[in-house]
């Protein structure tokens, strides 16, 4: 589950991209998250337990990649897949 602090405009979509085939191999528009409601999106796939995943969120291009509160690029997000849980929640 992906939790947003502020909702996207209704014409926008949220994408996840990363260094894995299941995350589009860093193609910013390849993997679209499913809108659940105004502040929640979902992307479902399987990764190997304990696998390290690096990723970012975009609105479909590198020009719309997530930024920090000062509008600067942020480092790749990193997540180690939990072998005891079947889901992960990320807040952005």
N, C-alpha and C. Protein backbone atom coordinates (compact mmCIF):
# COMPACT_ATOMS: atom_id res chain seq x y z
N UNK A 1 0.85 -1.18 0.00
CA UNK A 1 0.00 0.00 0.00
C UNK A 1 0.89 1.23 0.00
N UNK A 2 0.50 2.23 -0.77
CA UNK A 2 1.23 3.49 -0.85
C UNK A 2 0.32 4.56 -0.29
N UNK A 3 0.78 5.26 0.74
CA UNK A 3 0.00 6.31 1.39
C UNK A 3 0.57 7.67 1.02
N UNK A 4 -0.28 8.55 0.51
CA UNK A 4 0.15 9.90 0.13
C UNK A 4 -0.19 10.88 1.25
N UNK A 5 0.66 11.90 1.41
CA UNK A 5 0.36 12.97 2.36
C UNK A 5 -0.64 13.95 1.77
N UNK A 6 -0.55 14.17 0.48
CA UNK A 6 -1.48 15.05 -0.23
C UNK A 6 -2.01 14.34 -1.46
N UNK A 7 -3.27 14.52 -1.77
CA UNK A 7 -3.83 13.81 -2.92
C UNK A 7 -3.27 14.34 -4.25
N UNK A 8 -3.25 13.48 -5.24
CA UNK A 8 -2.89 13.88 -6.59
C UNK A 8 -4.10 14.52 -7.25
N UNK A 9 -3.85 15.31 -8.29
CA UNK A 9 -4.94 15.85 -9.10
C UNK A 9 -5.63 14.67 -9.79
N UNK A 10 -6.90 14.77 -10.03
CA UNK A 10 -7.65 13.64 -10.60
C UNK A 10 -7.13 13.20 -11.97
N UNK A 11 -6.42 14.07 -12.68
CA UNK A 11 -5.87 13.71 -13.99
C UNK A 11 -4.50 13.03 -13.88
N UNK A 12 -3.93 12.98 -12.69
CA UNK A 12 -2.60 12.40 -12.50
C UNK A 12 -2.68 10.93 -12.09
N UNK A 13 -1.62 10.20 -12.43
CA UNK A 13 -1.46 8.80 -12.02
C UNK A 13 -0.14 8.66 -11.30
N UNK A 14 -0.05 7.69 -10.42
CA UNK A 14 1.17 7.43 -9.66
C UNK A 14 1.85 6.20 -10.23
N UNK A 15 3.16 6.31 -10.43
CA UNK A 15 3.96 5.21 -10.97
C UNK A 15 5.08 4.88 -10.00
N UNK A 16 5.50 3.63 -10.01
CA UNK A 16 6.64 3.19 -9.22
C UNK A 16 7.66 2.63 -10.21
N UNK A 17 8.91 2.99 -10.02
CA UNK A 17 9.96 2.51 -10.91
C UNK A 17 11.19 2.14 -10.09
N UNK A 18 11.92 1.16 -10.55
CA UNK A 18 13.08 0.74 -9.77
C UNK A 18 13.98 -0.20 -10.54
N UNK A 19 15.01 -0.65 -9.84
CA UNK A 19 16.03 -1.49 -10.43
C UNK A 19 15.66 -2.96 -10.44
N UNK A 20 14.50 -3.27 -10.92
CA UNK A 20 14.02 -4.65 -10.98
C UNK A 20 13.03 -4.73 -12.14
N UNK A 21 13.00 -5.85 -12.83
CA UNK A 21 12.08 -6.04 -13.95
C UNK A 21 10.63 -5.77 -13.52
N UNK A 22 10.25 -6.19 -12.32
CA UNK A 22 8.88 -6.00 -11.85
C UNK A 22 8.58 -4.54 -11.50
N UNK A 23 9.61 -3.71 -11.50
CA UNK A 23 9.44 -2.27 -11.25
C UNK A 23 9.81 -1.46 -12.49
N UNK A 24 9.84 -2.10 -13.63
CA UNK A 24 10.04 -1.39 -14.89
C UNK A 24 11.47 -1.09 -15.26
N UNK A 25 12.44 -1.61 -14.51
CA UNK A 25 13.86 -1.38 -14.82
C UNK A 25 14.17 0.10 -15.04
N UNK A 26 13.69 0.93 -14.13
CA UNK A 26 13.92 2.38 -14.11
C UNK A 26 13.24 3.13 -15.25
N UNK A 27 12.22 2.55 -15.85
CA UNK A 27 11.40 3.29 -16.82
C UNK A 27 10.29 3.96 -16.01
N UNK A 28 10.26 5.29 -15.97
CA UNK A 28 9.37 6.00 -15.03
C UNK A 28 7.88 5.84 -15.29
N UNK A 29 7.50 5.39 -16.49
CA UNK A 29 6.08 5.26 -16.81
C UNK A 29 5.64 3.80 -16.97
N UNK A 30 6.51 2.86 -16.63
CA UNK A 30 6.24 1.46 -16.94
C UNK A 30 5.26 0.78 -15.97
N UNK A 31 5.27 1.17 -14.68
CA UNK A 31 4.46 0.45 -13.69
C UNK A 31 3.53 1.44 -12.98
N UNK A 32 2.27 1.38 -13.33
CA UNK A 32 1.27 2.28 -12.77
C UNK A 32 0.65 1.65 -11.52
N UNK A 33 0.61 2.44 -10.44
CA UNK A 33 -0.03 1.98 -9.21
C UNK A 33 -1.55 2.13 -9.35
N UNK A 34 -2.27 1.26 -8.70
CA UNK A 34 -3.74 1.28 -8.75
C UNK A 34 -4.27 2.22 -7.68
N UNK A 35 -5.15 3.14 -8.07
CA UNK A 35 -5.76 4.07 -7.12
C UNK A 35 -6.79 3.34 -6.28
N UNK A 36 -6.65 3.43 -4.96
CA UNK A 36 -7.61 2.83 -4.03
C UNK A 36 -8.60 3.89 -3.60
N UNK A 37 -8.08 5.04 -3.19
CA UNK A 37 -8.89 6.20 -2.85
C UNK A 37 -8.00 7.43 -2.98
N UNK A 38 -8.47 8.57 -2.51
CA UNK A 38 -7.76 9.83 -2.70
C UNK A 38 -6.31 9.84 -2.20
N UNK A 39 -6.05 9.13 -1.11
CA UNK A 39 -4.72 9.15 -0.51
C UNK A 39 -4.00 7.80 -0.52
N UNK A 40 -4.57 6.81 -1.18
CA UNK A 40 -3.97 5.47 -1.16
C UNK A 40 -3.92 4.86 -2.56
N UNK A 41 -2.77 4.27 -2.85
CA UNK A 41 -2.56 3.56 -4.10
C UNK A 41 -2.00 2.19 -3.76
N UNK A 42 -2.08 1.28 -4.73
CA UNK A 42 -1.61 -0.08 -4.48
C UNK A 42 -0.85 -0.57 -5.70
N UNK A 43 0.24 -1.27 -5.41
CA UNK A 43 0.97 -2.01 -6.43
C UNK A 43 1.28 -3.37 -5.83
N UNK A 44 0.92 -4.42 -6.54
CA UNK A 44 1.08 -5.77 -6.01
C UNK A 44 1.97 -6.59 -6.93
N UNK A 45 2.98 -7.19 -6.34
CA UNK A 45 3.86 -8.12 -7.05
C UNK A 45 4.58 -8.96 -6.00
N UNK A 46 5.34 -9.93 -6.42
CA UNK A 46 6.10 -10.78 -5.51
C UNK A 46 7.59 -10.56 -5.71
N UNK A 47 8.32 -10.51 -4.60
CA UNK A 47 9.77 -10.47 -4.61
C UNK A 47 10.28 -11.56 -3.68
N UNK A 48 11.51 -11.93 -3.86
CA UNK A 48 12.11 -12.95 -2.99
C UNK A 48 12.29 -12.39 -1.58
N UNK A 49 12.07 -13.22 -0.55
CA UNK A 49 12.30 -12.77 0.83
C UNK A 49 13.73 -12.26 0.99
N UNK A 50 13.87 -11.19 1.76
CA UNK A 50 15.15 -10.55 2.06
C UNK A 50 15.78 -9.84 0.87
N UNK A 51 15.08 -9.76 -0.26
CA UNK A 51 15.62 -9.06 -1.42
C UNK A 51 15.60 -7.56 -1.17
N UNK A 52 16.66 -6.87 -1.57
CA UNK A 52 16.75 -5.41 -1.44
C UNK A 52 16.19 -4.79 -2.72
N UNK A 53 15.18 -3.95 -2.57
CA UNK A 53 14.54 -3.30 -3.70
C UNK A 53 14.84 -1.81 -3.62
N UNK A 54 15.32 -1.21 -4.71
CA UNK A 54 15.51 0.24 -4.79
C UNK A 54 14.48 0.78 -5.78
N UNK A 55 13.82 1.89 -5.40
CA UNK A 55 12.74 2.41 -6.24
C UNK A 55 12.49 3.89 -5.98
N UNK A 56 11.69 4.47 -6.86
CA UNK A 56 11.22 5.86 -6.73
C UNK A 56 9.78 5.91 -7.22
N UNK A 57 9.10 6.99 -6.87
CA UNK A 57 7.76 7.25 -7.38
C UNK A 57 7.82 8.40 -8.37
N UNK A 58 7.01 8.32 -9.43
CA UNK A 58 6.92 9.39 -10.42
C UNK A 58 5.45 9.59 -10.78
N UNK A 59 5.22 10.63 -11.56
CA UNK A 59 3.90 10.83 -12.16
C UNK A 59 3.94 10.43 -13.63
N UNK A 60 4.95 9.64 -13.99
CA UNK A 60 5.05 9.09 -15.33
C UNK A 60 6.26 9.53 -16.14
N UNK A 61 7.11 10.37 -15.55
CA UNK A 61 8.33 10.80 -16.25
C UNK A 61 9.39 11.17 -15.22
N UNK A 62 10.64 11.28 -15.68
CA UNK A 62 11.70 11.70 -14.76
C UNK A 62 11.52 13.16 -14.38
N UNK A 63 10.84 13.94 -15.19
CA UNK A 63 10.55 15.33 -14.86
C UNK A 63 9.57 15.47 -13.71
N UNK A 64 8.87 14.37 -13.39
CA UNK A 64 7.89 14.40 -12.30
C UNK A 64 8.24 13.40 -11.19
N UNK A 65 9.53 13.07 -11.09
CA UNK A 65 9.97 12.17 -10.02
C UNK A 65 9.78 12.85 -8.68
N UNK A 66 9.58 12.07 -7.63
CA UNK A 66 9.38 12.64 -6.29
C UNK A 66 10.58 13.47 -5.85
N UNK A 67 10.31 14.52 -5.11
CA UNK A 67 11.34 15.45 -4.60
C UNK A 67 11.15 15.63 -3.10
N UNK A 68 12.16 16.22 -2.46
CA UNK A 68 12.01 16.52 -1.04
C UNK A 68 11.25 17.84 -0.87
N UNK A 69 11.08 18.29 0.36
CA UNK A 69 10.28 19.49 0.63
C UNK A 69 10.93 20.76 0.08
N UNK A 70 12.22 20.69 -0.28
CA UNK A 70 12.92 21.83 -0.90
C UNK A 70 13.03 21.68 -2.41
N UNK A 71 12.26 20.73 -2.96
CA UNK A 71 12.21 20.46 -4.40
C UNK A 71 13.54 19.93 -4.95
N UNK A 72 14.29 19.20 -4.13
CA UNK A 72 15.54 18.58 -4.56
C UNK A 72 15.31 17.08 -4.76
N UNK A 73 16.12 16.50 -5.64
CA UNK A 73 16.05 15.05 -5.84
C UNK A 73 16.33 14.33 -4.53
N UNK A 74 15.71 13.19 -4.36
CA UNK A 74 15.97 12.37 -3.19
C UNK A 74 16.68 11.09 -3.62
N UNK A 75 17.34 10.46 -2.68
CA UNK A 75 17.99 9.18 -2.96
C UNK A 75 16.94 8.13 -3.26
N UNK A 76 17.36 7.06 -3.90
CA UNK A 76 16.45 5.94 -4.14
C UNK A 76 15.89 5.45 -2.83
N UNK A 77 14.62 5.12 -2.82
CA UNK A 77 14.03 4.46 -1.66
C UNK A 77 14.55 3.03 -1.64
N UNK A 78 14.74 2.49 -0.46
CA UNK A 78 15.23 1.11 -0.32
C UNK A 78 14.31 0.35 0.61
N UNK A 79 14.04 -0.88 0.24
CA UNK A 79 13.15 -1.72 1.02
C UNK A 79 13.70 -3.14 0.98
N UNK A 80 13.88 -3.73 2.14
CA UNK A 80 14.24 -5.14 2.20
C UNK A 80 12.93 -5.91 2.38
N UNK A 81 12.67 -6.83 1.48
CA UNK A 81 11.42 -7.58 1.50
C UNK A 81 11.34 -8.41 2.76
N UNK A 82 10.27 -8.23 3.50
CA UNK A 82 10.03 -8.94 4.76
C UNK A 82 9.56 -10.35 4.45
N UNK A 83 10.27 -11.34 4.95
CA UNK A 83 9.88 -12.73 4.67
C UNK A 83 8.74 -13.22 5.56
N UNK A 84 8.31 -12.40 6.52
CA UNK A 84 7.23 -12.81 7.41
C UNK A 84 5.91 -12.13 7.07
N UNK A 85 5.95 -11.16 6.19
CA UNK A 85 4.74 -10.40 5.86
C UNK A 85 4.46 -10.52 4.36
N UNK A 86 3.20 -10.47 4.01
CA UNK A 86 2.87 -10.55 2.60
C UNK A 86 2.56 -9.18 2.01
N UNK A 87 2.84 -8.10 2.77
CA UNK A 87 2.66 -6.75 2.23
C UNK A 87 3.57 -5.75 2.92
N UNK A 88 3.81 -4.65 2.25
CA UNK A 88 4.62 -3.55 2.77
C UNK A 88 3.84 -2.27 2.54
N UNK A 89 3.94 -1.31 3.46
CA UNK A 89 3.32 -0.01 3.28
C UNK A 89 4.41 1.04 3.19
N UNK A 90 4.27 1.93 2.20
CA UNK A 90 5.23 3.01 1.99
C UNK A 90 4.46 4.33 2.04
N UNK A 91 4.95 5.27 2.84
CA UNK A 91 4.32 6.60 2.91
C UNK A 91 5.17 7.60 2.15
N UNK A 92 4.52 8.41 1.32
CA UNK A 92 5.24 9.45 0.57
C UNK A 92 4.51 10.77 0.72
